[in-house]
C-alpha atoms as a PDB file:
ATOM      1  CA  MET A   1       0.000   0.000   0.000  1.00  0.00           C
ATOM      2  CA  PRO A   2       1.456   3.458  -0.920  1.00  0.00           C
ATOM      3  CA  LEU A   3       2.652   5.525   2.049  1.00  0.00           C
ATOM      4  CA  PRO A   4       0.134   8.391   1.645  1.00  0.00           C
ATOM      5  CA  LEU A   5      -2.781   5.955   1.511  1.00  0.00           C
ATOM      6  CA  LEU A   6      -1.451   3.975   4.492  1.00  0.00           C
ATOM      7  CA  ALA A   7      -1.056   7.208   6.462  1.00  0.00           C
ATOM      8  CA  ALA A   8      -4.596   8.306   5.606  1.00  0.00           C
ATOM      9  CA  VAL A   9      -6.023   4.962   6.765  1.00  0.00           C
ATOM     10  CA  ALA A  10      -3.967   5.042   9.980  1.00  0.00           C
ATOM     11  CA  PHE A  11      -5.182   8.510  10.980  1.00  0.00           C
ATOM     12  CA  CYS A  12      -8.774   7.641  10.086  1.00  0.00           C
ATOM     13  CA  PHE A  13      -8.443   4.665  12.446  1.00  0.00           C
ATOM     14  CA  LEU A  14      -7.211   6.948  15.220  1.00  0.00           C
ATOM     15  CA  ALA A  15     -10.190   9.249  14.705  1.00  0.00           C
ATOM     16  CA  ALA A  16     -12.507   6.212  14.608  1.00  0.00           C
ATOM     17  CA  ASN A  17     -11.731   5.469  18.264  1.00  0.00           C
ATOM     18  CA  SER A  18     -13.676   8.582  19.232  1.00  0.00           C
ATOM     19  CA  LEU A  19     -16.669   7.642  17.080  1.00  0.00           C
ATOM     20  CA  LEU A  20     -16.759   4.008  18.206  1.00  0.00           C
ATOM     21  CA  THR A  21     -16.425   4.874  21.890  1.00  0.00           C
ATOM     22  CA  ARG A  22     -19.062   7.604  21.742  1.00  0.00           C
ATOM     23  CA  ALA A  23     -21.473   5.314  19.871  1.00  0.00           C
ATOM     24  CA  GLY A  24     -20.925   2.404  22.265  1.00  0.00           C
ATOM     25  CA  VAL A  25     -21.362   4.485  25.416  1.00  0.00           C
ATOM     26  CA  LEU A  26     -24.408   6.264  23.971  1.00  0.00           C
ATOM     27  CA  ASP A  27     -25.966   2.848  23.336  1.00  0.00           C
ATOM     28  CA  GLY A  28     -25.862   2.113  27.066  1.00  0.00           C
ATOM     29  CA  THR A  29     -22.574   0.259  27.560  1.00  0.00           C
ATOM     30  CA  ASP A  30     -20.789   1.128  30.796  1.00  0.00           C
ATOM     31  CA  PRO A  31     -17.647   3.198  30.002  1.00  0.00           C
ATOM     32  CA  LEU A  32     -15.389   1.091  32.244  1.00  0.00           C
ATOM     33  CA  ALA A  33     -16.635  -2.136  30.690  1.00  0.00           C
ATOM     34  CA  PHE A  34     -16.141  -0.594  27.251  1.00  0.00           C
ATOM     35  CA  ALA A  35     -12.538   0.290  28.094  1.00  0.00           C
ATOM     36  CA  ALA A  36     -11.899  -3.233  29.418  1.00  0.00           C
ATOM     37  CA  ILE A  37     -13.246  -4.874  26.257  1.00  0.00           C
ATOM     38  CA  ARG A  38     -11.321  -2.427  24.085  1.00  0.00           C
ATOM     39  CA  VAL A  39      -7.953  -3.021  25.743  1.00  0.00           C
ATOM     40  CA  GLY A  40      -8.509  -6.780  25.741  1.00  0.00           C
ATOM     41  CA  ALA A  41      -9.294  -6.844  22.025  1.00  0.00           C
ATOM     42  CA  GLY A  42      -6.346  -4.578  21.275  1.00  0.00           C
ATOM     43  CA  ALA A  43      -4.015  -6.771  23.333  1.00  0.00           C
ATOM     44  CA  VAL A  44      -5.053  -9.893  21.400  1.00  0.00           C
ATOM     45  CA  VAL A  45      -4.482  -8.294  17.978  1.00  0.00           C
ATOM     46  CA  LEU A  46      -1.202  -6.580  18.879  1.00  0.00           C
ATOM     47  CA  ALA A  47       0.139  -9.718  20.578  1.00  0.00           C
ATOM     48  CA  ALA A  48      -0.660 -11.749  17.454  1.00  0.00           C
ATOM     49  CA  LEU A  49       1.073  -9.180  15.230  1.00  0.00           C
ATOM     50  CA  ALA A  50       4.144  -8.981  17.486  1.00  0.00           C
ATOM     51  CA  ALA A  51       4.376 -12.627  18.594  1.00  0.00           C
ATOM     52  CA  ARG A  52       7.652 -13.235  16.755  1.00  0.00           C
ATOM     53  CA  ARG A  53       9.280  -9.992  17.868  1.00  0.00           C
ATOM     54  CA  GLY A  54       9.655 -10.779  21.556  1.00  0.00           C
ATOM     55  CA  ILE A  55       7.054  -9.465  24.016  1.00  0.00           C
ATOM     56  CA  THR A  56       8.518  -8.430  27.385  1.00  0.00           C
ATOM     57  CA  LEU A  57       6.375  -7.654  30.429  1.00  0.00           C
ATOM     58  CA  GLY A  58       9.049  -6.663  32.920  1.00  0.00           C
ATOM     59  CA  GLY A  59      10.758  -3.393  33.830  1.00  0.00           C
ATOM     60  CA  GLY A  60       9.688  -0.181  35.512  1.00  0.00           C
ATOM     61  CA  ARG A  61       9.436   1.754  32.257  1.00  0.00           C
ATOM     62  CA  ARG A  62       7.179  -0.943  30.779  1.00  0.00           C
ATOM     63  CA  TRP A  63       4.825  -0.829  33.785  1.00  0.00           C
ATOM     64  CA  GLY A  64       4.824   2.972  33.725  1.00  0.00           C
ATOM     65  CA  ALA A  65       3.815   2.982  30.069  1.00  0.00           C
ATOM     66  CA  ALA A  66       1.083   0.412  30.718  1.00  0.00           C
ATOM     67  CA  LEU A  67      -0.284   2.496  33.614  1.00  0.00           C
ATOM     68  CA  ALA A  68      -0.360   5.606  31.411  1.00  0.00           C
ATOM     69  CA  LEU A  69      -2.222   3.573  28.767  1.00  0.00           C
ATOM     70  CA  ALA A  70      -4.772   2.367  31.339  1.00  0.00           C
ATOM     71  CA  ILE A  71      -5.371   5.921  32.605  1.00  0.00           C
ATOM     72  CA  TYR A  72      -5.838   7.125  29.036  1.00  0.00           C
ATOM     73  CA  LEU A  73      -8.379   4.370  28.326  1.00  0.00           C
ATOM     74  CA  LEU A  74     -10.339   5.123  31.507  1.00  0.00           C
ATOM     75  CA  GLY A  75     -10.497   8.876  30.980  1.00  0.00           C
ATOM     76  CA  PHE A  76     -11.252   8.499  27.273  1.00  0.00           C
ATOM     77  CA  SER A  77     -14.206   6.162  27.789  1.00  0.00           C
ATOM     78  CA  LEU A  78     -15.676   8.031  30.763  1.00  0.00           C
ATOM     79  CA  ALA A  79     -15.454  11.383  28.970  1.00  0.00           C
ATOM     80  CA  TYR A  80     -17.631  10.169  26.121  1.00  0.00           C
ATOM     81  CA  ARG A  81     -20.642   9.930  28.409  1.00  0.00           C
ATOM     82  CA  SER A  82     -21.408  13.501  27.331  1.00  0.00           C
ATOM     83  CA  LEU A  83     -18.760  14.810  24.928  1.00  0.00           C
ATOM     84  CA  ASP A  84     -19.390  14.733  21.190  1.00  0.00           C
ATOM     85  CA  ALA A  85     -16.902  12.597  19.248  1.00  0.00           C
ATOM     86  CA  GLY A  86     -15.187  15.539  17.553  1.00  0.00           C
ATOM     87  CA  LEU A  87     -15.122  17.696  20.670  1.00  0.00           C
ATOM     88  CA  GLY A  88     -13.564  14.882  22.691  1.00  0.00           C
ATOM     89  CA  ALA A  89     -10.930  14.242  20.016  1.00  0.00           C
ATOM     90  CA  LEU A  90     -10.034  17.931  19.953  1.00  0.00           C
ATOM     91  CA  ILE A  91      -9.617  18.146  23.738  1.00  0.00           C
ATOM     92  CA  LEU A  92      -7.579  14.932  23.722  1.00  0.00           C
ATOM     93  CA  PHE A  93      -5.329  16.038  20.877  1.00  0.00           C
ATOM     94  CA  ALA A  94      -4.769  19.516  22.326  1.00  0.00           C
ATOM     95  CA  CYS A  95      -3.873  18.134  25.748  1.00  0.00           C
ATOM     96  CA  VAL A  96      -1.499  15.564  24.246  1.00  0.00           C
ATOM     97  CA  GLN A  97       0.406  18.295  22.433  1.00  0.00           C
ATOM     98  CA  LEU A  98       0.356  20.673  25.407  1.00  0.00           C
ATOM     99  CA  GLY A  99       1.473  17.844  27.681  1.00  0.00           C
ATOM    100  CA  LEU A 100       4.398  16.930  25.434  1.00  0.00           C
ATOM    101  CA  PHE A 101       5.335  20.596  25.234  1.00  0.00           C
ATOM    102  CA  ALA A 102       5.269  20.939  29.036  1.00  0.00           C
ATOM    103  CA  ILE A 103       7.323  17.758  29.451  1.00  0.00           C
ATOM    104  CA  GLY A 104       9.880  19.152  27.042  1.00  0.00           C
ATOM    105  CA  LEU A 105      10.148  22.368  29.048  1.00  0.00           C
ATOM    106  CA  ALA A 106      10.456  20.433  32.314  1.00  0.00           C
ATOM    107  CA  ARG A 107      13.264  18.346  30.815  1.00  0.00           C
ATOM    108  CA  GLY A 108      15.141  21.493  29.895  1.00  0.00           C
ATOM    109  CA  GLU A 109      14.658  21.181  26.161  1.00  0.00           C
ATOM    110  CA  GLY A 110      15.165  24.444  24.333  1.00  0.00           C
ATOM    111  CA  THR A 111      12.167  26.150  22.770  1.00  0.00           C
ATOM    112  CA  SER A 112      11.612  29.080  20.453  1.00  0.00           C
ATOM    113  CA  ALA A 113       9.449  32.152  20.770  1.00  0.00           C
ATOM    114  CA  ARG A 114       7.333  30.770  17.912  1.00  0.00           C
ATOM    115  CA  ALA A 115       6.720  27.545  19.835  1.00  0.00           C
ATOM    116  CA  LEU A 116       5.706  29.504  22.949  1.00  0.00           C
ATOM    117  CA  LEU A 117       3.368  31.671  20.866  1.00  0.00           C
ATOM    118  CA  GLY A 118       1.816  28.616  19.231  1.00  0.00           C
ATOM    119  CA  MET A 119       1.213  26.833  22.504  1.00  0.00           C
ATOM    120  CA  ALA A 120      -0.262  30.030  23.983  1.00  0.00           C
ATOM    121  CA  LEU A 121      -2.692  30.203  21.058  1.00  0.00           C
ATOM    122  CA  ALA A 122      -3.598  26.526  21.499  1.00  0.00           C
ATOM    123  CA  LEU A 123      -4.126  26.973  25.235  1.00  0.00           C
ATOM    124  CA  GLY A 124      -6.284  30.030  24.557  1.00  0.00           C
ATOM    125  CA  GLY A 125      -8.363  28.045  22.090  1.00  0.00           C
ATOM    126  CA  LEU A 126      -8.758  25.198  24.580  1.00  0.00           C
ATOM    127  CA  THR A 127      -9.843  27.679  27.269  1.00  0.00           C
ATOM    128  CA  TRP A 128     -12.398  29.164  24.882  1.00  0.00           C
ATOM    129  CA  LEU A 129     -13.596  25.677  23.986  1.00  0.00           C
ATOM    130  CA  LEU A 130     -14.256  24.810  27.632  1.00  0.00           C
ATOM    131  CA  TRP A 131     -15.561  28.232  28.672  1.00  0.00           C
ATOM    132  CA  PRO A 132     -19.233  27.987  29.799  1.00  0.00           C
ATOM    133  CA  GLU A 133     -21.551  29.275  27.105  1.00  0.00           C
ATOM    134  CA  GLU A 134     -25.235  28.782  26.400  1.00  0.00           C
ATOM    135  CA  GLY A 135     -25.634  25.695  24.229  1.00  0.00           C
ATOM    136  CA  ALA A 136     -22.065  24.489  24.812  1.00  0.00           C
ATOM    137  CA  SER A 137     -21.784  20.712  24.995  1.00  0.00           C
ATOM    138  CA  ALA A 138     -18.626  20.333  27.098  1.00  0.00           C
ATOM    139  CA  ASP A 139     -19.478  18.945  30.532  1.00  0.00           C
ATOM    140  CA  PRO A 140     -16.739  20.180  32.931  1.00  0.00           C
ATOM    141  CA  LEU A 141     -16.167  16.779  34.559  1.00  0.00           C
ATOM    142  CA  ASP A 142     -16.022  14.839  31.314  1.00  0.00           C
ATOM    143  CA  ALA A 143     -13.893  17.514  29.657  1.00  0.00           C
ATOM    144  CA  GLY A 144     -11.522  17.219  32.615  1.00  0.00           C
ATOM    145  CA  LEU A 145     -11.424  13.439  32.240  1.00  0.00           C
ATOM    146  CA  MET A 146     -10.557  13.806  28.555  1.00  0.00           C
ATOM    147  CA  ALA A 147      -7.814  16.260  29.488  1.00  0.00           C
ATOM    148  CA  VAL A 148      -6.408  13.686  31.925  1.00  0.00           C
ATOM    149  CA  ALA A 149      -6.593  11.089  29.135  1.00  0.00           C
ATOM    150  CA  GLY A 150      -4.650  13.438  26.868  1.00  0.00           C
ATOM    151  CA  LEU A 151      -1.936  14.027  29.464  1.00  0.00           C
ATOM    152  CA  ALA A 152      -1.695  10.279  30.063  1.00  0.00           C
ATOM    153  CA  TRP A 153      -1.330   9.700  26.325  1.00  0.00           C
ATOM    154  CA  ALA A 154       1.396  12.342  26.257  1.00  0.00           C
ATOM    155  CA  GLY A 155       3.267  10.338  28.894  1.00  0.00           C
ATOM    156  CA  TYR A 156       2.660   7.155  26.925  1.00  0.00           C
ATOM    157  CA  SER A 157       3.977   8.829  23.769  1.00  0.00           C
ATOM    158  CA  LEU A 158       7.096   9.951  25.636  1.00  0.00           C
ATOM    159  CA  ALA A 159       7.710   6.376  26.774  1.00  0.00           C
ATOM    160  CA  GLY A 160       7.319   5.264  23.167  1.00  0.00           C
ATOM    161  CA  ARG A 161      10.256   7.416  22.110  1.00  0.00           C
ATOM    162  CA  PHE A 162      12.549   5.097  24.055  1.00  0.00           C
ATOM    163  CA  GLU A 163      10.958   1.902  22.722  1.00  0.00           C
ATOM    164  CA  PRO A 164      13.404   0.005  20.475  1.00  0.00           C
ATOM    165  CA  ARG A 165      10.663  -2.286  19.104  1.00  0.00           C
ATOM    166  CA  PRO A 166       7.490  -0.156  18.885  1.00  0.00           C
ATOM    167  CA  LEU A 167       5.079  -2.894  17.796  1.00  0.00           C
ATOM    168  CA  ALA A 168       6.271  -5.466  20.341  1.00  0.00           C
ATOM    169  CA  GLY A 169       6.431  -2.779  23.016  1.00  0.00           C
ATOM    170  CA  SER A 170       2.870  -1.657  22.303  1.00  0.00           C
ATOM    171  CA  ALA A 171       1.675  -5.266  22.493  1.00  0.00           C
ATOM    172  CA  SER A 172       3.397  -5.620  25.881  1.00  0.00           C
ATOM    173  CA  ASN A 173       1.811  -2.401  27.132  1.00  0.00           C
ATOM    174  CA  PHE A 174      -1.658  -3.494  26.035  1.00  0.00           C
ATOM    175  CA  LEU A 175      -1.256  -6.888  27.682  1.00  0.00           C
ATOM    176  CA  LEU A 176      -0.219  -5.310  30.981  1.00  0.00           C
ATOM    177  CA  ALA A 177      -3.029  -2.740  30.807  1.00  0.00           C
ATOM    178  CA  ALA A 178      -5.496  -5.565  30.089  1.00  0.00           C
ATOM    179  CA  GLY A 179      -4.186  -7.289  33.209  1.00  0.00           C
ATOM    180  CA  MET A 180      -4.838  -4.130  35.236  1.00  0.00           C
ATOM    181  CA  PHE A 181      -8.420  -4.033  33.999  1.00  0.00           C
ATOM    182  CA  ALA A 182      -8.779  -7.737  34.832  1.00  0.00           C
ATOM    183  CA  LEU A 183      -7.679  -7.035  38.415  1.00  0.00           C
ATOM    184  CA  ALA A 184     -10.306  -4.290  38.593  1.00  0.00           C
ATOM    185  CA  ALA A 185     -13.008  -6.623  37.267  1.00  0.00           C
ATOM    186  CA  PRO A 186     -15.105  -6.403  40.486  1.00  0.00           C
ATOM    187  CA  VAL A 187     -15.639  -2.708  39.659  1.00  0.00           C
ATOM    188  CA  TRP A 188     -16.892  -3.117  36.095  1.00  0.00           C
ATOM    189  CA  LEU A 189     -17.878  -6.787  35.742  1.00  0.00           C
ATOM    190  CA  GLY A 190     -21.651  -7.034  35.657  1.00  0.00           C
ATOM    191  CA  ALA A 191     -22.067  -3.435  34.480  1.00  0.00           C
ATOM    192  CA  PRO A 192     -24.474  -2.950  31.569  1.00  0.00           C
ATOM    193  CA  VAL A 193     -23.016  -3.930  28.187  1.00  0.00           C
ATOM    194  CA  THR A 194     -25.155  -3.895  25.064  1.00  0.00           C
ATOM    195  CA  ALA A 195     -24.414  -6.114  22.085  1.00  0.00           C
ATOM    196  CA  PHE A 196     -23.842  -3.044  19.916  1.00  0.00           C
ATOM    197  CA  GLY A 197     -21.614  -1.447  22.561  1.00  0.00           C
ATOM    198  CA  ALA A 198     -19.535  -4.612  22.879  1.00  0.00           C
ATOM    199  CA  LEU A 199     -19.116  -4.703  19.096  1.00  0.00           C
ATOM    200  CA  MET A 200     -17.980  -1.063  19.096  1.00  0.00           C
ATOM    201  CA  ALA A 201     -15.467  -1.839  21.860  1.00  0.00           C
ATOM    202  CA  VAL A 202     -14.044  -4.818  19.964  1.00  0.00           C
ATOM    203  CA  LEU A 203     -13.753  -2.767  16.766  1.00  0.00           C
ATOM    204  CA  SER A 204     -12.112   0.069  18.690  1.00  0.00           C
ATOM    205  CA  GLY A 205      -9.592  -2.260  20.319  1.00  0.00           C
ATOM    206  CA  ALA A 206      -8.893  -4.770  17.565  1.00  0.00           C
ATOM    207  CA  VAL A 207      -9.160  -2.553  14.470  1.00  0.00           C
ATOM    208  CA  ALA A 208      -8.908   1.165  15.303  1.00  0.00           C
ATOM    209  CA  SER A 209      -6.310   0.625  18.055  1.00  0.00           C
ATOM    210  CA  GLY A 210      -4.626  -2.688  17.191  1.00  0.00           C
ATOM    211  CA  LEU A 211      -4.379  -2.424  13.416  1.00  0.00           C
ATOM    212  CA  GLY A 212      -4.372   1.381  13.524  1.00  0.00           C
ATOM    213  CA  TYR A 213      -1.321   1.519  15.791  1.00  0.00           C
ATOM    214  CA  ALA A 214       0.432  -1.134  13.730  1.00  0.00           C
ATOM    215  CA  MET A 215      -0.065   1.027  10.620  1.00  0.00           C
ATOM    216  CA  LEU A 216       1.062   4.105  12.508  1.00  0.00           C
ATOM    217  CA  PHE A 217       4.315   2.428  13.584  1.00  0.00           C
ATOM    218  CA  ARG A 218       5.009   1.625   9.930  1.00  0.00           C
ATOM    219  CA  VAL A 219       4.130   5.113   8.674  1.00  0.00           C
ATOM    220  CA  LEU A 220       5.786   7.476  11.173  1.00  0.00           C
ATOM    221  CA  PRO A 221       9.424   6.408  10.615  1.00  0.00           C
ATOM    222  CA  ALA A 222       9.015   7.107   6.905  1.00  0.00           C
ATOM    223  CA  MET A 223       7.468  10.543   7.441  1.00  0.00           C
ATOM    224  CA  GLY A 224       9.322  13.745   8.206  1.00  0.00           C
ATOM    225  CA  SER A 225       8.467  15.589  11.401  1.00  0.00           C
ATOM    226  CA  ALA A 226       6.599  18.296   9.512  1.00  0.00           C
ATOM    227  CA  THR A 227       4.482  15.778   7.600  1.00  0.00           C
ATOM    228  CA  ALA A 228       3.748  13.772  10.743  1.00  0.00           C
ATOM    229  CA  GLY A 229       2.733  16.900  12.630  1.00  0.00           C
ATOM    230  CA  LEU A 230       0.463  18.042   9.830  1.00  0.00           C
ATOM    231  CA  ALA A 231      -1.132  14.589   9.592  1.00  0.00           C
ATOM    232  CA  GLN A 232      -1.861  14.584  13.330  1.00  0.00           C
ATOM    233  CA  LEU A 233      -3.744  17.853  12.936  1.00  0.00           C
ATOM    234  CA  SER A 234      -6.236  15.957  10.778  1.00  0.00           C
ATOM    235  CA  VAL A 235      -7.364  13.536  13.504  1.00  0.00           C
ATOM    236  CA  PRO A 236      -9.788  15.826  15.436  1.00  0.00           C
ATOM    237  CA  VAL A 237     -11.009  17.302  12.159  1.00  0.00           C
ATOM    238  CA  ILE A 238     -11.817  13.829  10.812  1.00  0.00           C
ATOM    239  CA  ALA A 239     -13.568  12.936  14.072  1.00  0.00           C
ATOM    240  CA  MET A 240     -15.611  16.146  14.032  1.00  0.00           C
ATOM    241  CA  ILE A 241     -16.731  15.684  10.422  1.00  0.00           C
ATOM    242  CA  ALA A 242     -17.520  11.989  10.919  1.00  0.00           C
ATOM    243  CA  GLY A 243     -19.339  12.726  14.181  1.00  0.00           C
ATOM    244  CA  ALA A 244     -21.582  15.197  12.374  1.00  0.00           C
ATOM    245  CA  ALA A 245     -22.197  12.816   9.459  1.00  0.00           C
ATOM    246  CA  LEU A 246     -22.649   9.542  11.359  1.00  0.00           C
ATOM    247  CA  LEU A 247     -23.833  10.553  14.844  1.00  0.00           C
ATOM    248  CA  GLY A 248     -25.657  13.789  14.028  1.00  0.00           C
ATOM    249  CA  GLU A 249     -23.358  15.786  16.332  1.00  0.00           C
ATOM    250  CA  LEU A 250     -23.269  19.226  14.725  1.00  0.00           C
ATOM    251  CA  PRO A 251     -20.526  21.417  16.252  1.00  0.00           C
ATOM    252  CA  THR A 252     -21.418  24.818  17.709  1.00  0.00           C
ATOM    253  CA  VAL A 253     -19.902  28.080  16.512  1.00  0.00           C
ATOM    254  CA  GLN A 254     -17.844  28.123  19.708  1.00  0.00           C
ATOM    255  CA  THR A 255     -16.491  24.631  19.005  1.00  0.00           C
ATOM    256  CA  VAL A 256     -15.538  25.433  15.401  1.00  0.00           C
ATOM    257  CA  GLY A 257     -13.859  28.721  16.327  1.00  0.00           C
ATOM    258  CA  ALA A 258     -11.975  27.229  19.266  1.00  0.00           C
ATOM    259  CA  ALA A 259     -10.961  24.212  17.186  1.00  0.00           C
ATOM    260  CA  ALA A 260      -9.488  26.467  14.514  1.00  0.00           C
ATOM    261  CA  LEU A 261      -7.519  28.404  17.151  1.00  0.00           C
ATOM    262  CA  VAL A 262      -6.229  25.230  18.839  1.00  0.00           C
ATOM    263  CA  LEU A 263      -5.127  23.610  15.585  1.00  0.00           C
ATOM    264  CA  ALA A 264      -3.569  26.827  14.302  1.00  0.00           C
ATOM    265  CA  GLY A 265      -1.630  27.243  17.536  1.00  0.00           C
ATOM    266  CA  ILE A 266      -0.329  23.681  17.451  1.00  0.00           C
ATOM    267  CA  ALA A 267       0.647  24.104  13.800  1.00  0.00           C
ATOM    268  CA  VAL A 268       2.578  27.281  14.614  1.00  0.00           C
ATOM    269  CA  ALA A 269       4.350  25.562  17.503  1.00  0.00           C
ATOM    270  CA  THR A 270       5.228  22.234  15.917  1.00  0.00           C
ATOM    271  CA  LEU A 271       5.567  22.632  12.157  1.00  0.00           C
ATOM    272  CA  PRO A 272       8.958  23.908  10.995  1.00  0.00           C
ATOM    273  CA  ILE A 273       9.017  27.024   8.867  1.00  0.00           C
ATOM    274  CA  GLY A 274      11.603  27.653   6.189  1.00  0.00           C
ATOM    275  CA  ARG A 275      13.394  25.698   3.543  1.00  0.00           C
ATOM    276  CA  ALA A 276      13.583  21.941   3.846  1.00  0.00           C
ATOM    277  CA  GLY A 277      16.781  20.864   5.489  1.00  0.00           C
ATOM    278  CA  SER A 278      17.520  24.333   6.860  1.00  0.00           C
END
């Protein structure tokens, strides 16, 4: 499959997680049960794909990554009790980028005035997005849970930078996170799960997460940083358009305006300007 097409499919799969989770939770499936089914299905697919590459379950960094993954899954599923698919994806994506930016500053990594300006714009857009307004759809608690999910994913992404075998490492992380959900089974086992919701969870875990991440691992090394950053900007946009088309979730003027400001700010901060190779 050509690289551009593979990249397009991979980022559509990432956006699909928001649609599948929102649809499953809306149908009446408990968010914690949804997350447990999702991580279990993802673990099975990723383990099958990485079986010959050596799956390791030990080490503090491995357990830290798995914990960050579990926190992301919990916050992500719980947030979609009220958030629209596109709105949730935008909050998640903005908080991932802001989290990675903050981690970079804390680690003493140099930054430019343009990066600071871009992150300030993105933070302003996120503040506008969550600011109470008549007709706004962002519930403060669920928006906060999605923000936590985004920060957890930022930590998970940071751990991935030190992963020598991304696919095998992701399979290991999913298996450990699935084990954490299994230990917490008394909390979610017996919670309401609809047949449609269970199907959405399996598709989210096995296809959108399992196969989607496998495609992503193949695509990102072949993409330049500018191209990868630009492609990531498409994920909340895809989710917002698909949410309107498939779930009838029409964004408000506030959401569209704030989304444009957030994405513009992240683009300013992360996409290099100037001649290639300069």
